[in-house]
Protein backbone atom coordinates (compact mmCIF):
# COMPACT_ATOMS: atom_id res chain seq x y z
CA UNK A 1 0.00 0.00 0.00
CA UNK A 2 1.01 3.62 -0.44
CA UNK A 3 -0.21 6.87 1.10
CA UNK A 4 -2.56 8.86 -1.13
CA UNK A 5 -1.61 12.39 -2.13
CA UNK A 6 -4.50 13.97 -0.20
CA UNK A 7 -3.35 12.20 2.98
CA UNK A 8 0.20 13.44 2.44
CA UNK A 9 -1.18 16.97 2.05
CA UNK A 10 -2.99 16.64 5.37
CA UNK A 11 0.26 15.55 7.00
CA UNK A 12 2.13 18.50 5.48
CA UNK A 13 -0.55 20.89 6.76
CA UNK A 14 -0.26 19.39 10.21
CA UNK A 15 3.55 19.58 10.20
CA UNK A 16 3.43 23.15 8.90
CA UNK A 17 1.39 24.17 11.94
CA UNK A 18 3.67 22.39 14.44
CA UNK A 19 7.14 22.89 12.95
CA UNK A 20 9.54 25.81 12.65
CA UNK A 21 10.67 24.63 9.20
CA UNK A 22 9.31 26.93 6.52
CA UNK A 23 7.91 25.93 3.15
CA UNK A 24 6.50 22.52 4.06
CA UNK A 25 3.45 23.15 1.88
CA UNK A 26 4.96 24.60 -1.26
CA UNK A 27 8.68 23.74 -1.36
CA UNK A 28 10.71 20.58 -1.85
CA UNK A 29 12.27 19.34 1.38
CA UNK A 30 15.16 17.01 2.06
CA UNK A 31 14.30 13.84 4.03
CA UNK A 32 16.34 15.03 7.02
CA UNK A 33 14.23 18.20 7.22
CA UNK A 34 11.07 16.09 7.19
CA UNK A 35 12.49 13.81 9.91
CA UNK A 36 13.36 16.77 12.14
CA UNK A 37 9.95 18.34 11.56
CA UNK A 38 8.06 15.12 12.30
CA UNK A 39 10.07 13.44 15.05
CA UNK A 40 11.84 16.28 16.85
CA UNK A 41 9.50 19.25 16.64
CA UNK A 42 6.06 17.66 16.29
CA UNK A 43 6.15 14.30 18.05
CA UNK A 44 9.07 15.35 20.30
CA UNK A 45 10.56 11.85 20.25
CA UNK A 46 13.79 11.18 22.14
CA UNK A 47 16.74 11.11 19.68
CA UNK A 48 17.49 7.67 18.30
CA UNK A 49 21.26 8.11 18.20
CA UNK A 50 23.46 9.15 21.14
CA UNK A 51 27.21 9.68 20.82
CA UNK A 52 30.10 9.59 23.27
CA UNK A 53 30.74 13.26 22.41
CA UNK A 54 27.48 14.21 24.13
CA UNK A 55 25.69 14.90 20.84
CA UNK A 56 22.50 13.19 19.77
CA UNK A 57 20.15 13.17 16.81
CA UNK A 58 17.85 11.21 14.54
CA UNK A 59 20.18 10.97 11.52
CA UNK A 60 23.90 10.54 11.15
CA UNK A 61 25.57 12.13 8.15
CA UNK A 62 28.57 10.05 7.09
CA UNK A 63 31.48 12.52 7.14
CA UNK A 64 34.84 11.02 6.24
CA UNK A 65 37.99 11.54 4.23
CA UNK A 66 37.84 10.09 0.75
CA UNK A 67 39.93 6.93 0.37
CA UNK A 68 40.85 6.03 -3.21
CA UNK A 69 41.68 2.47 -2.13
CA UNK A 70 37.99 1.85 -1.45
CA UNK A 71 36.47 1.14 -4.85
CA UNK A 72 33.03 -0.11 -3.86
CA UNK A 73 32.32 0.87 -0.24
CA UNK A 74 29.63 -0.60 1.96
CA UNK A 75 27.71 1.28 4.63
CA UNK A 76 29.50 -0.95 7.17
CA UNK A 77 32.87 0.40 6.02
CA UNK A 78 31.75 4.01 5.78
CA UNK A 79 30.11 4.08 9.22
CA UNK A 80 33.14 2.53 10.86
CA UNK A 81 35.52 4.95 9.14
CA UNK A 82 33.35 7.98 9.83
CA UNK A 83 33.07 7.30 13.56
CA UNK A 84 36.75 6.44 13.83
CA UNK A 85 37.94 9.56 12.01
CA UNK A 86 35.60 11.70 14.13
CA UNK A 87 36.89 9.92 17.26
CA UNK A 88 33.39 9.21 18.57
CA UNK A 89 31.43 6.10 19.48
CA UNK A 90 27.81 5.20 20.07
CA UNK A 91 26.69 5.45 23.68
CA UNK A 92 24.07 2.74 23.24
CA UNK A 93 22.47 0.54 20.61
CA UNK A 94 20.14 2.83 18.63
CA UNK A 95 16.55 1.70 18.22
CA UNK A 96 16.78 3.06 14.67
CA UNK A 97 19.94 4.15 12.86
CA UNK A 98 19.31 6.53 9.96
CA UNK A 99 22.44 7.03 7.84
CA UNK A 100 22.85 9.78 5.25
CA UNK A 101 25.33 8.90 2.54
CA UNK A 102 28.37 11.16 1.88
CA UNK A 103 26.75 13.22 -0.85
CA UNK A 104 25.66 16.85 -0.96
CA UNK A 105 22.91 18.05 -3.25
CA UNK A 106 22.92 17.05 -6.89
CA UNK A 107 26.51 17.87 -7.69
CA UNK A 108 28.70 15.97 -5.23
CA UNK A 109 28.92 12.28 -4.39
CA UNK A 110 32.05 11.05 -2.64
CA UNK A 111 31.52 7.58 -4.11
CA UNK A 112 29.64 6.87 -7.34
CA UNK A 113 28.34 3.60 -5.91
CA UNK A 114 27.67 2.55 -2.30
CA UNK A 115 26.44 -0.89 -1.28
CA UNK A 116 23.92 -0.76 1.60
CA UNK A 117 25.02 -3.54 3.95
CA UNK A 118 22.14 -5.88 4.76
CA UNK A 119 23.41 -5.98 8.34
CA UNK A 120 25.62 -3.62 10.36
CA UNK A 121 27.89 -4.97 13.08
CA UNK A 122 28.20 -2.07 15.52
CA UNK A 123 29.81 -4.06 18.36
CA UNK A 124 33.14 -2.23 18.31
CA UNK A 125 31.47 1.16 17.78
CA UNK A 126 29.80 1.06 21.22
CA UNK A 127 31.38 3.06 24.02
CA UNK A 128 30.38 1.05 27.10
CA UNK A 129 29.74 -2.49 25.82
CA UNK A 130 32.23 -5.32 26.42
CA UNK A 131 34.60 -5.71 23.48
CA UNK A 132 36.17 -8.94 22.18
CA UNK A 133 39.92 -9.16 21.68
CA UNK A 134 40.65 -9.13 17.93
CA UNK A 135 43.10 -12.02 18.39
CA UNK A 136 41.56 -14.48 20.85
CA UNK A 137 38.00 -13.22 21.31
CA UNK A 138 38.31 -12.88 25.10
CA UNK A 139 37.27 -9.75 26.99
CA UNK A 140 39.41 -6.82 25.83
CA UNK A 141 40.92 -4.22 28.12
CA UNK A 142 42.86 -2.05 25.61
CA UNK A 143 42.32 -0.33 22.28
CA UNK A 144 44.98 0.72 19.77
CA UNK A 145 43.90 3.34 17.25
CA UNK A 146 47.12 2.82 15.31
CA UNK A 147 46.00 -0.75 14.56
CA UNK A 148 42.70 0.32 13.00
CA UNK A 149 41.94 -1.77 9.88
CA UNK A 150 44.91 -4.03 10.58
CA UNK A 151 42.97 -6.85 12.22
CA UNK A 152 39.49 -8.33 12.16
CA UNK A 153 37.16 -7.88 9.20
CA UNK A 154 39.02 -4.99 7.65
CA UNK A 155 36.83 -2.23 9.05
CA UNK A 156 37.22 -2.83 12.79
CA UNK A 157 38.69 -0.99 15.72
CA UNK A 158 41.47 -3.02 17.31
CA UNK A 159 40.77 -4.22 20.86
CA UNK A 160 43.12 -6.49 22.85
CA UNK A 161 43.01 -8.51 26.04
CA UNK A 162 45.86 -8.16 28.54
CA UNK A 163 47.74 -11.13 27.13
CA UNK A 164 47.42 -10.26 23.43
CA UNK A 165 48.31 -6.58 23.86
CA UNK A 166 51.67 -7.66 25.32
CA UNK A 167 52.29 -10.16 22.52
CA UNK A 168 51.28 -7.82 19.69
CA UNK A 169 52.90 -4.65 21.08
CA UNK A 170 56.22 -5.89 22.37
CA UNK A 171 59.33 -3.65 22.44
CA UNK A 172 60.23 -4.97 18.98
CA UNK A 173 56.73 -4.80 17.44
CA UNK A 174 54.62 -1.71 16.73
CA UNK A 175 56.89 0.50 18.83
CA UNK A 176 55.21 3.69 17.62
CA UNK A 177 51.73 2.58 18.64
CA UNK A 178 49.98 4.07 21.65
CA UNK A 179 47.36 1.64 22.99
CA UNK A 180 45.09 2.90 25.73
CA UNK A 181 42.96 1.24 28.39
CA UNK A 182 39.19 1.06 27.86
CA UNK A 183 36.52 0.87 30.59
CA UNK A 184 35.88 -2.71 31.69
CA UNK A 185 33.07 -3.16 34.17
CA UNK A 186 33.27 -5.72 37.03
CA UNK A 187 30.06 -7.38 35.79
CA UNK A 188 31.70 -8.04 32.41
CA UNK A 189 34.87 -9.43 34.03
CA UNK A 190 32.81 -11.73 36.24
CA UNK A 191 30.59 -12.95 33.39
CA UNK A 192 33.13 -13.32 30.57
CA UNK A 193 36.07 -14.27 32.79
CA UNK A 194 34.52 -17.47 34.13
CA UNK A 195 35.34 -20.90 32.67
CA UNK A 196 33.35 -21.86 29.58
CA UNK A 197 32.06 -18.31 29.26
CA UNK A 198 30.10 -17.59 26.07
CA UNK A 199 31.48 -15.47 23.27
CA UNK A 200 30.89 -11.75 23.58
CA UNK A 201 27.65 -11.04 21.79
CA UNK A 202 27.74 -9.02 18.60
CA UNK A 203 25.28 -6.14 18.23
CA UNK A 204 23.79 -6.39 14.76
CA UNK A 205 21.45 -3.92 13.05
CA UNK A 206 19.32 -4.93 10.06
CA UNK A 207 18.59 -2.86 6.97
CA UNK A 208 14.88 -2.21 6.51
CA UNK A 209 14.69 0.64 3.99
CA UNK A 210 16.72 2.63 1.47
CA UNK A 211 15.67 6.02 0.09
CA UNK A 212 17.17 7.01 -3.25
CA UNK A 213 17.16 10.32 -5.06
CA UNK A 214 18.06 11.54 -8.50
CA UNK A 215 17.20 15.06 -9.73
CA UNK A 216 14.47 15.57 -7.11
CA UNK A 217 12.88 12.18 -7.87
CA UNK A 218 12.66 10.02 -4.78
CA UNK A 219 12.13 6.27 -4.77
CA UNK A 220 12.40 3.74 -1.97
CA UNK A 221 13.12 0.09 -1.25
CA UNK A 222 11.38 -1.17 1.90
CA UNK A 223 11.32 -4.44 3.80
CA UNK A 224 7.82 -5.66 4.67
CA UNK A 225 8.31 -7.11 8.14
CA UNK A 226 11.16 -8.01 10.49
CA UNK A 227 11.45 -11.68 9.53
CA UNK A 228 14.75 -12.42 7.72
CA UNK A 229 12.72 -13.82 4.83
CA UNK A 230 10.32 -10.86 4.69
CA UNK A 231 9.87 -9.55 1.13
CA UNK A 232 11.27 -6.27 -0.17
CA UNK A 233 9.20 -3.86 -2.23
CA UNK A 234 10.09 -1.07 -4.64
CA UNK A 235 8.03 2.14 -4.51
CA UNK A 236 8.06 5.00 -7.01
CA UNK A 237 5.47 7.73 -6.49
CA UNK A 238 6.25 9.26 -9.90
CA UNK A 239 6.61 6.17 -12.08
CA UNK A 240 4.23 7.54 -14.69
CA UNK A 241 2.03 10.57 -15.30
CA UNK A 242 -1.33 11.41 -16.81
CA UNK A 243 -1.72 14.93 -18.17
CA UNK A 244 0.71 17.81 -17.99
CA UNK A 245 0.30 20.92 -15.84
CA UNK A 246 -2.96 19.79 -14.25
CA UNK A 247 -2.30 16.07 -14.48
CA UNK A 248 -1.22 13.69 -11.76
CA UNK A 249 1.48 11.12 -11.11
CA UNK A 250 0.83 7.40 -11.16
CA UNK A 251 2.62 5.54 -8.35
CA UNK A 252 4.19 2.12 -8.72
CA UNK A 253 4.57 -0.50 -5.98
CA UNK A 254 6.16 -3.84 -6.83
CA UNK A 255 7.73 -6.78 -5.07
CA UNK A 256 11.53 -6.65 -5.36
CA UNK A 257 12.78 -10.16 -4.52
CA UNK A 258 16.15 -9.54 -6.16
CA UNK A 259 17.29 -6.87 -3.66
CA UNK A 260 19.02 -9.18 -1.12
CA UNK A 261 20.95 -10.79 -3.97
CA UNK A 262 22.09 -7.35 -5.20
CA UNK A 263 23.72 -6.71 -1.82
CA UNK A 264 25.43 -10.02 -1.14
CA UNK A 265 29.21 -9.87 -0.71
CA UNK A 266 29.82 -12.43 -3.45
CA UNK A 267 28.23 -10.12 -6.02
CA UNK A 268 30.58 -7.21 -5.37
CA UNK A 269 33.27 -8.52 -7.72
CA UNK A 270 30.77 -8.75 -10.58
CA UNK A 271 29.48 -5.25 -9.83
CA UNK A 272 33.01 -3.84 -9.94
CA UNK A 273 33.62 -5.51 -13.31
CA UNK A 274 30.74 -3.48 -14.73
CA UNK A 275 32.40 -0.08 -15.07
CA UNK A 276 29.49 1.65 -16.84
CA UNK A 277 26.53 2.31 -14.54
CA UNK A 278 24.17 2.17 -17.50
CA UNK A 279 24.92 -1.53 -17.90
CA UNK A 280 23.76 -2.39 -14.39
CA UNK A 281 20.22 -3.72 -13.94
CA UNK A 282 17.86 -0.76 -13.49
CA UNK A 283 16.97 -1.30 -9.84
CA UNK A 284 20.51 -2.25 -8.88
CA UNK A 285 21.76 0.97 -10.49
CA UNK A 286 19.21 3.07 -8.61
CA UNK A 287 20.00 1.32 -5.33
CA UNK A 288 23.80 1.62 -5.59
CA UNK A 289 24.19 4.91 -7.46
CA UNK A 290 21.27 6.98 -6.12
CA UNK A 291 21.17 5.78 -2.50
CA UNK A 292 20.71 8.73 -0.13
CA UNK A 293 19.46 7.38 3.19
CA UNK A 294 19.72 3.88 4.69
CA UNK A 295 17.58 2.92 7.67
CA UNK A 296 18.58 0.19 10.15
CA UNK A 297 16.85 -1.28 13.19
CA UNK A 298 17.92 -3.47 16.08
CA UNK A 299 16.15 -6.84 16.21
CA UNK A 300 17.29 -7.25 19.83
CA UNK A 301 15.49 -4.03 20.86
CA UNK A 302 12.39 -4.50 18.71
CA UNK A 303 10.26 -6.29 21.36
CA UNK A 304 10.90 -3.47 23.84
CA UNK A 305 10.51 -0.39 21.61
């Protein structure tokens, strides 16, 4: 289903009365302006995202230095790099993580293609959660920023337990590195330090929607349900049009079963072989080249939110 135009107009009228943002009735608005108007100023919802810097918000704009070595970045890579370069972490698992891609207006995109990761592992981006050692998996007590990207999955912060930090940072190895202690709470030591303790749980967020834009034309890919097998749909409110000045748009809503396959890691090599965007399948091209906002949710928090 989609929301009829007259219902959207009612919503815009309502937001116009409650929000400080001007032009909600007669001007185009970016999604982040709509989110602020709806969630922050009208519904007055508590911010979804809280950072170790003391800042909070509903969206996180991916700010980072361009890296020419990254040819086909994923949102997992970009989020990890952005937080690391900004020297901030997440204070807690967000109920909803809304990521804005590193692009500004119509003229600038840092990367021509970005792959929305189907899942985001935010374990090592959390400020107060127990962290696994990148060597042995035991409870870590140190972090080395100089070792970023050197261990783990290639986009991880480097955490070490007491034993592994001594082995990996001996007087003859990584002499210029400056590891630092991280907070380790007694409850974590007691729980993960006992014999046969379980592995430190990973905090995983799941992709549930992608908003794409090209020349003021928005489309979206949305997941219908929280089940891993839930179907994806493609929505285009301006797929066709009847009439000209006084005509109206014809929306399109279709099942998009191919989306998970587009985003699988094994397909990235094939995508990179296709150097001309025009040769990509239509929906894959729109998803990778026009992606503007990716929305993630925490399945572990869903029953409580």
